[in-house]
Amino acid sequence: MKGSTLVEICRGMTKNAPNGLKAEILAGIIGKEYPALMSELSQQPGHKLGAEVMLRLMKASDGRAPIHFMAQELGGV
């Protein structure tokens, strides 16, 4: 995880969800259009990944990588 950004971690979690769901399915579960979600995860101009979307992605994918990354960055475990 070293050298990664939080958005990159979220993108990886979405593309390779721990529960095996495809990114297109995750987008539907969280109420986002797939192209819009991928634009947010790719940091396209005018698109930003919000904290609420990140939380919904973590719940839908069973992924915890973003929270582990944040804890590590803040000196936690």
PDB file of N, CA and C in Angstrom:
ATOM      1  N   MET A   1       0.809  -1.193   0.000  1.00  0.00           N
ATOM      2  CA  MET A   1       0.000   0.000   0.000  1.00  0.00           C
ATOM      3  C   MET A   1       0.852   1.256   0.000  1.00  0.00           C
ATOM      4  N   LYS A   2       2.098   1.133   0.368  1.00  0.00           N
ATOM      5  CA  LYS A   2       2.963   2.300   0.436  1.00  0.00           C
ATOM      6  C   LYS A   2       3.062   2.945  -0.936  1.00  0.00           C
ATOM      7  N   GLY A   3       2.973   4.278  -0.983  1.00  0.00           N
ATOM      8  CA  GLY A   3       3.067   5.001  -2.234  1.00  0.00           C
ATOM      9  C   GLY A   3       1.742   5.122  -2.962  1.00  0.00           C
ATOM     10  N   SER A   4       0.702   4.514  -2.444  1.00  0.00           N
ATOM     11  CA  SER A   4      -0.620   4.587  -3.064  1.00  0.00           C
ATOM     12  C   SER A   4      -1.405   5.734  -2.454  1.00  0.00           C
ATOM     13  N   THR A   5      -2.450   6.128  -3.162  1.00  0.00           N
ATOM     14  CA  THR A   5      -3.368   7.118  -2.617  1.00  0.00           C
ATOM     15  C   THR A   5      -4.643   6.405  -2.191  1.00  0.00           C
ATOM     16  N   LEU A   6      -5.441   7.069  -1.418  1.00  0.00           N
ATOM     17  CA  LEU A   6      -6.697   6.488  -0.956  1.00  0.00           C
ATOM     18  C   LEU A   6      -7.602   6.141  -2.143  1.00  0.00           C
ATOM     19  N   VAL A   7      -7.646   7.011  -3.139  1.00  0.00           N
ATOM     20  CA  VAL A   7      -8.484   6.747  -4.308  1.00  0.00           C
ATOM     21  C   VAL A   7      -7.962   5.540  -5.084  1.00  0.00           C
ATOM     22  N   GLU A   8      -6.646   5.403  -5.198  1.00  0.00           N
ATOM     23  CA  GLU A   8      -6.074   4.230  -5.873  1.00  0.00           C
ATOM     24  C   GLU A   8      -6.429   2.947  -5.130  1.00  0.00           C
ATOM     25  N   ILE A   9      -6.421   3.008  -3.812  1.00  0.00           N
ATOM     26  CA  ILE A   9      -6.797   1.851  -3.001  1.00  0.00           C
ATOM     27  C   ILE A   9      -8.267   1.497  -3.268  1.00  0.00           C
ATOM     28  N   CYS A  10      -9.120   2.505  -3.317  1.00  0.00           N
ATOM     29  CA  CYS A  10     -10.544   2.273  -3.586  1.00  0.00           C
ATOM     30  C   CYS A  10     -10.756   1.714  -4.988  1.00  0.00           C
ATOM     31  N   ARG A  11     -10.004   2.206  -5.946  1.00  0.00           N
ATOM     32  CA  ARG A  11     -10.119   1.698  -7.314  1.00  0.00           C
ATOM     33  C   ARG A  11      -9.737   0.219  -7.367  1.00  0.00           C
ATOM     34  N   GLY A  12      -8.639  -0.138  -6.714  1.00  0.00           N
ATOM     35  CA  GLY A  12      -8.229  -1.536  -6.676  1.00  0.00           C
ATOM     36  C   GLY A  12      -9.251  -2.416  -5.985  1.00  0.00           C
ATOM     37  N   MET A  13      -9.829  -1.915  -4.899  1.00  0.00           N
ATOM     38  CA  MET A  13     -10.846  -2.676  -4.168  1.00  0.00           C
ATOM     39  C   MET A  13     -12.084  -2.875  -5.031  1.00  0.00           C
ATOM     40  N   THR A  14     -12.413  -1.890  -5.838  1.00  0.00           N
ATOM     41  CA  THR A  14     -13.594  -1.981  -6.700  1.00  0.00           C
ATOM     42  C   THR A  14     -13.352  -2.930  -7.866  1.00  0.00           C
ATOM     43  N   LYS A  15     -12.183  -2.860  -8.452  1.00  0.00           N
ATOM     44  CA  LYS A  15     -11.873  -3.730  -9.591  1.00  0.00           C
ATOM     45  C   LYS A  15     -11.641  -5.174  -9.172  1.00  0.00           C
ATOM     46  N   ASN A  16     -11.173  -5.392  -7.961  1.00  0.00           N
ATOM     47  CA  ASN A  16     -10.896  -6.732  -7.436  1.00  0.00           C
ATOM     48  C   ASN A  16     -11.561  -6.883  -6.075  1.00  0.00           C
ATOM     49  N   ALA A  17     -12.865  -6.819  -6.067  1.00  0.00           N
ATOM     50  CA  ALA A  17     -13.619  -6.851  -4.813  1.00  0.00           C
ATOM     51  C   ALA A  17     -13.359  -8.139  -4.043  1.00  0.00           C
ATOM     52  N   PRO A  18     -13.131  -8.036  -2.746  1.00  0.00           N
ATOM     53  CA  PRO A  18     -12.908  -9.224  -1.928  1.00  0.00           C
ATOM     54  C   PRO A  18     -14.033 -10.255  -2.021  1.00  0.00           C
ATOM     55  N   ASN A  19     -15.271  -9.795  -2.231  1.00  0.00           N
ATOM     56  CA  ASN A  19     -16.383 -10.735  -2.327  1.00  0.00           C
ATOM     57  C   ASN A  19     -16.602 -11.247  -3.748  1.00  0.00           C
ATOM     58  N   GLY A  20     -15.750 -10.830  -4.690  1.00  0.00           N
ATOM     59  CA  GLY A  20     -15.800 -11.347  -6.049  1.00  0.00           C
ATOM     60  C   GLY A  20     -16.774 -10.661  -6.989  1.00  0.00           C
ATOM     61  N   LEU A  21     -17.518  -9.663  -6.511  1.00  0.00           N
ATOM     62  CA  LEU A  21     -18.452  -8.967  -7.392  1.00  0.00           C
ATOM     63  C   LEU A  21     -17.694  -8.095  -8.387  1.00  0.00           C
ATOM     64  N   LYS A  22     -18.222  -8.013  -9.601  1.00  0.00           N
ATOM     65  CA  LYS A  22     -17.615  -7.167 -10.629  1.00  0.00           C
ATOM     66  C   LYS A  22     -17.950  -5.704 -10.354  1.00  0.00           C
ATOM     67  N   ALA A  23     -17.097  -4.817 -10.847  1.00  0.00           N
ATOM     68  CA  ALA A  23     -17.270  -3.382 -10.629  1.00  0.00           C
ATOM     69  C   ALA A  23     -18.618  -2.886 -11.134  1.00  0.00           C
ATOM     70  N   GLU A  24     -19.099  -3.446 -12.242  1.00  0.00           N
ATOM     71  CA  GLU A  24     -20.394  -3.032 -12.780  1.00  0.00           C
ATOM     72  C   GLU A  24     -21.520  -3.347 -11.788  1.00  0.00           C
ATOM     73  N   ILE A  25     -21.419  -4.481 -11.147  1.00  0.00           N
ATOM     74  CA  ILE A  25     -22.422  -4.880 -10.147  1.00  0.00           C
ATOM     75  C   ILE A  25     -22.326  -3.980  -8.914  1.00  0.00           C
ATOM     76  N   LEU A  26     -21.104  -3.716  -8.465  1.00  0.00           N
ATOM     77  CA  LEU A  26     -20.914  -2.837  -7.303  1.00  0.00           C
ATOM     78  C   LEU A  26     -21.504  -1.463  -7.565  1.00  0.00           C
ATOM     79  N   ALA A  27     -21.288  -0.937  -8.772  1.00  0.00           N
ATOM     80  CA  ALA A  27     -21.833   0.380  -9.120  1.00  0.00           C
ATOM     81  C   ALA A  27     -23.346   0.382  -8.953  1.00  0.00           C
ATOM     82  N   GLY A  28     -23.999  -0.649  -9.447  1.00  0.00           N
ATOM     83  CA  GLY A  28     -25.453  -0.736  -9.308  1.00  0.00           C
ATOM     84  C   GLY A  28     -25.897  -0.827  -7.866  1.00  0.00           C
ATOM     85  N   ILE A  29     -25.174  -1.604  -7.081  1.00  0.00           N
ATOM     86  CA  ILE A  29     -25.530  -1.770  -5.664  1.00  0.00           C
ATOM     87  C   ILE A  29     -25.473  -0.444  -4.925  1.00  0.00           C
ATOM     88  N   ILE A  30     -24.469   0.366  -5.234  1.00  0.00           N
ATOM     89  CA  ILE A  30     -24.324   1.641  -4.514  1.00  0.00           C
ATOM     90  C   ILE A  30     -25.102   2.779  -5.171  1.00  0.00           C
ATOM     91  N   GLY A  31     -25.804   2.469  -6.267  1.00  0.00           N
ATOM     92  CA  GLY A  31     -26.645   3.485  -6.901  1.00  0.00           C
ATOM     93  C   GLY A  31     -25.919   4.438  -7.816  1.00  0.00           C
ATOM     94  N   LYS A  32     -24.827   3.982  -8.396  1.00  0.00           N
ATOM     95  CA  LYS A  32     -24.050   4.816  -9.322  1.00  0.00           C
ATOM     96  C   LYS A  32     -24.052   4.176 -10.695  1.00  0.00           C
ATOM     97  N   GLU A  33     -24.005   5.005 -11.717  1.00  0.00           N
ATOM     98  CA  GLU A  33     -23.771   4.497 -13.067  1.00  0.00           C
ATOM     99  C   GLU A  33     -22.307   4.078 -13.143  1.00  0.00           C
ATOM    100  N   TYR A  34     -22.051   2.942 -13.791  1.00  0.00           N
ATOM    101  CA  TYR A  34     -20.686   2.429 -13.876  1.00  0.00           C
ATOM    102  C   TYR A  34     -19.702   3.462 -14.445  1.00  0.00           C
ATOM    103  N   PRO A  35     -20.020   4.125 -15.579  1.00  0.00           N
ATOM    104  CA  PRO A  35     -19.051   5.108 -16.097  1.00  0.00           C
ATOM    105  C   PRO A  35     -18.757   6.247 -15.123  1.00  0.00           C
ATOM    106  N   ALA A  36     -19.779   6.701 -14.395  1.00  0.00           N
ATOM    107  CA  ALA A  36     -19.572   7.781 -13.422  1.00  0.00           C
ATOM    108  C   ALA A  36     -18.676   7.316 -12.285  1.00  0.00           C
ATOM    109  N   LEU A  37     -18.917   6.100 -11.794  1.00  0.00           N
ATOM    110  CA  LEU A  37     -18.081   5.571 -10.714  1.00  0.00           C
ATOM    111  C   LEU A  37     -16.634   5.438 -11.168  1.00  0.00           C
ATOM    112  N   MET A  38     -16.430   4.908 -12.360  1.00  0.00           N
ATOM    113  CA  MET A  38     -15.056   4.731 -12.849  1.00  0.00           C
ATOM    114  C   MET A  38     -14.377   6.080 -13.070  1.00  0.00           C
ATOM    115  N   SER A  39     -15.135   7.092 -13.468  1.00  0.00           N
ATOM    116  CA  SER A  39     -14.557   8.434 -13.612  1.00  0.00           C
ATOM    117  C   SER A  39     -14.102   8.971 -12.265  1.00  0.00           C
ATOM    118  N   GLU A  40     -14.900   8.715 -11.221  1.00  0.00           N
ATOM    119  CA  GLU A  40     -14.514   9.145  -9.877  1.00  0.00           C
ATOM    120  C   GLU A  40     -13.275   8.394  -9.410  1.00  0.00           C
ATOM    121  N   LEU A  41     -13.229   7.097  -9.666  1.00  0.00           N
ATOM    122  CA  LEU A  41     -12.105   6.276  -9.221  1.00  0.00           C
ATOM    123  C   LEU A  41     -10.835   6.530 -10.034  1.00  0.00           C
ATOM    124  N   SER A  42     -10.997   7.107 -11.222  1.00  0.00           N
ATOM    125  CA  SER A  42      -9.843   7.432 -12.070  1.00  0.00           C
ATOM    126  C   SER A  42      -9.444   8.893 -11.930  1.00  0.00           C
ATOM    127  N   GLN A  43     -10.153   9.616 -11.092  1.00  0.00           N
ATOM    128  CA  GLN A  43      -9.890  11.028 -10.820  1.00  0.00           C
ATOM    129  C   GLN A  43      -9.909  11.860 -12.099  1.00  0.00           C
ATOM    130  N   GLN A  44     -10.893  11.586 -12.948  1.00  0.00           N
ATOM    131  CA  GLN A  44     -11.057  12.369 -14.163  1.00  0.00           C
ATOM    132  C   GLN A  44     -11.420  13.803 -13.781  1.00  0.00           C
ATOM    133  N   PRO A  45     -11.063  14.775 -14.601  1.00  0.00           N
ATOM    134  CA  PRO A  45     -11.400  16.170 -14.288  1.00  0.00           C
ATOM    135  C   PRO A  45     -12.899  16.329 -14.021  1.00  0.00           C
ATOM    136  N   GLY A  46     -13.201  17.010 -12.932  1.00  0.00           N
ATOM    137  CA  GLY A  46     -14.590  17.247 -12.564  1.00  0.00           C
ATOM    138  C   GLY A  46     -15.240  16.120 -11.780  1.00  0.00           C
ATOM    139  N   HIS A  47     -14.500  15.041 -11.506  1.00  0.00           N
ATOM    140  CA  HIS A  47     -15.043  13.905 -10.767  1.00  0.00           C
ATOM    141  C   HIS A  47     -14.206  13.652  -9.517  1.00  0.00           C
ATOM    142  N   LYS A  48     -14.873  13.519  -8.388  1.00  0.00           N
ATOM    143  CA  LYS A  48     -14.193  13.243  -7.128  1.00  0.00           C
ATOM    144  C   LYS A  48     -14.921  12.131  -6.394  1.00  0.00           C
ATOM    145  N   LEU A  49     -14.154  11.282  -5.743  1.00  0.00           N
ATOM    146  CA  LEU A  49     -14.726  10.206  -4.948  1.00  0.00           C
ATOM    147  C   LEU A  49     -15.055  10.742  -3.563  1.00  0.00           C
ATOM    148  N   GLY A  50     -16.314  10.704  -3.199  1.00  0.00           N
ATOM    149  CA  GLY A  50     -16.744  11.203  -1.899  1.00  0.00           C
ATOM    150  C   GLY A  50     -16.642  10.135  -0.830  1.00  0.00           C
ATOM    151  N   ALA A  51     -16.596  10.575   0.417  1.00  0.00           N
ATOM    152  CA  ALA A  51     -16.493   9.656   1.547  1.00  0.00           C
ATOM    153  C   ALA A  51     -17.705   8.735   1.634  1.00  0.00           C
ATOM    154  N   GLU A  52     -18.897   9.234   1.335  1.00  0.00           N
ATOM    155  CA  GLU A  52     -20.099   8.402   1.397  1.00  0.00           C
ATOM    156  C   GLU A  52     -20.056   7.293   0.348  1.00  0.00           C
ATOM    157  N   VAL A  53     -19.559   7.620  -0.832  1.00  0.00           N
ATOM    158  CA  VAL A  53     -19.436   6.619  -1.893  1.00  0.00           C
ATOM    159  C   VAL A  53     -18.399   5.578  -1.483  1.00  0.00           C
ATOM    160  N   MET A  54     -17.298   6.029  -0.906  1.00  0.00           N
ATOM    161  CA  MET A  54     -16.261   5.103  -0.462  1.00  0.00           C
ATOM    162  C   MET A  54     -16.831   4.131   0.577  1.00  0.00           C
ATOM    163  N   LEU A  55     -17.601   4.635   1.515  1.00  0.00           N
ATOM    164  CA  LEU A  55     -18.196   3.775   2.538  1.00  0.00           C
ATOM    165  C   LEU A  55     -19.160   2.759   1.912  1.00  0.00           C
ATOM    166  N   ARG A  56     -19.993   3.210   0.976  1.00  0.00           N
ATOM    167  CA  ARG A  56     -20.911   2.285   0.309  1.00  0.00           C
ATOM    168  C   ARG A  56     -20.149   1.227  -0.482  1.00  0.00           C
ATOM    169  N   LEU A  57     -19.046   1.622  -1.129  1.00  0.00           N
ATOM    170  CA  LEU A  57     -18.223   0.645  -1.859  1.00  0.00           C
ATOM    171  C   LEU A  57     -17.615  -0.386  -0.915  1.00  0.00           C
ATOM    172  N   MET A  58     -17.149   0.063   0.240  1.00  0.00           N
ATOM    173  CA  MET A  58     -16.561  -0.859   1.205  1.00  0.00           C
ATOM    174  C   MET A  58     -17.602  -1.869   1.676  1.00  0.00           C
ATOM    175  N   LYS A  59     -18.815  -1.404   1.937  1.00  0.00           N
ATOM    176  CA  LYS A  59     -19.881  -2.302   2.378  1.00  0.00           C
ATOM    177  C   LYS A  59     -20.268  -3.277   1.270  1.00  0.00           C
ATOM    178  N   ALA A  60     -20.419  -2.775   0.041  1.00  0.00           N
ATOM    179  CA  ALA A  60     -20.870  -3.604  -1.074  1.00  0.00           C
ATOM    180  C   ALA A  60     -19.830  -4.637  -1.500  1.00  0.00           C
ATOM    181  N   SER A  61     -18.536  -4.306  -1.341  1.00  0.00           N
ATOM    182  CA  SER A  61     -17.461  -5.197  -1.800  1.00  0.00           C
ATOM    183  C   SER A  61     -16.882  -6.062  -0.684  1.00  0.00           C
ATOM    184  N   ASP A  62     -17.276  -5.801   0.546  1.00  0.00           N
ATOM    185  CA  ASP A  62     -16.660  -6.422   1.722  1.00  0.00           C
ATOM    186  C   ASP A  62     -15.184  -6.048   1.832  1.00  0.00           C
ATOM    187  N   GLY A  63     -14.821  -4.916   1.280  1.00  0.00           N
ATOM    188  CA  GLY A  63     -13.428  -4.466   1.293  1.00  0.00           C
ATOM    189  C   GLY A  63     -13.128  -3.569   2.473  1.00  0.00           C
ATOM    190  N   ARG A  64     -11.961  -3.749   3.030  1.00  0.00           N
ATOM    191  CA  ARG A  64     -11.532  -2.923   4.159  1.00  0.00           C
ATOM    192  C   ARG A  64     -10.192  -2.240   3.888  1.00  0.00           C
ATOM    193  N   ALA A  65      -9.669  -2.388   2.688  1.00  0.00           N
ATOM    194  CA  ALA A  65      -8.365  -1.811   2.364  1.00  0.00           C
ATOM    195  C   ALA A  65      -8.307  -0.300   2.599  1.00  0.00           C
ATOM    196  N   PRO A  66      -9.336   0.475   2.232  1.00  0.00           N
ATOM    197  CA  PRO A  66      -9.242   1.923   2.473  1.00  0.00           C
ATOM    198  C   PRO A  66      -9.097   2.269   3.953  1.00  0.00           C
ATOM    199  N   ILE A  67      -9.834   1.574   4.821  1.00  0.00           N
ATOM    200  CA  ILE A  67      -9.763   1.886   6.248  1.00  0.00           C
ATOM    201  C   ILE A  67      -8.416   1.457   6.836  1.00  0.00           C
ATOM    202  N   HIS A  68      -7.876   0.354   6.335  1.00  0.00           N
ATOM    203  CA  HIS A  68      -6.553  -0.079   6.783  1.00  0.00           C
ATOM    204  C   HIS A  68      -5.482   0.922   6.334  1.00  0.00           C
ATOM    205  N   PHE A  69      -5.619   1.417   5.103  1.00  0.00           N
ATOM    206  CA  PHE A  69      -4.687   2.410   4.582  1.00  0.00           C
ATOM    207  C   PHE A  69      -4.737   3.685   5.430  1.00  0.00           C
ATOM    208  N   MET A  70      -5.954   4.154   5.747  1.00  0.00           N
ATOM    209  CA  MET A  70      -6.078   5.362   6.553  1.00  0.00           C
ATOM    210  C   MET A  70      -5.500   5.164   7.948  1.00  0.00           C
ATOM    211  N   ALA A  71      -5.762   4.019   8.548  1.00  0.00           N
ATOM    212  CA  ALA A  71      -5.202   3.745   9.877  1.00  0.00           C
ATOM    213  C   ALA A  71      -3.675   3.747   9.846  1.00  0.00           C
ATOM    214  N   GLN A  72      -3.107   3.117   8.814  1.00  0.00           N
ATOM    215  CA  GLN A  72      -1.649   3.084   8.686  1.00  0.00           C
ATOM    216  C   GLN A  72      -1.085   4.499   8.512  1.00  0.00           C
ATOM    217  N   GLU A  73      -1.724   5.285   7.678  1.00  0.00           N
ATOM    218  CA  GLU A  73      -1.269   6.659   7.431  1.00  0.00           C
ATOM    219  C   GLU A  73      -1.340   7.528   8.688  1.00  0.00           C
ATOM    220  N   LEU A  74      -2.272   7.189   9.591  1.00  0.00           N
ATOM    221  CA  LEU A  74      -2.467   7.982  10.806  1.00  0.00           C
ATOM    222  C   LEU A  74      -1.776   7.359  12.032  1.00  0.00           C
ATOM    223  N   GLY A  75      -0.962   6.333  11.784  1.00  0.00           N
ATOM    224  CA  GLY A  75      -0.196   5.733  12.866  1.00  0.00           C
ATOM    225  C   GLY A  75      -0.966   4.718  13.684  1.00  0.00           C
ATOM    226  N   GLY A  76      -2.101   4.255  13.176  1.00  0.00           N
ATOM    227  CA  GLY A  76      -2.893   3.269  13.896  1.00  0.00           C
ATOM    228  C   GLY A  76      -2.597   1.862  13.401  1.00  0.00           C
ATOM    229  N   VAL A  77      -3.408   0.943  13.852  1.00  0.00           N
ATOM    230  CA  VAL A  77      -3.255  -0.446  13.422  1.00  0.00           C
ATOM    231  C   VAL A  77      -4.549  -0.952  12.810  1.00  0.00           C
TER     232      VAL A  77
END
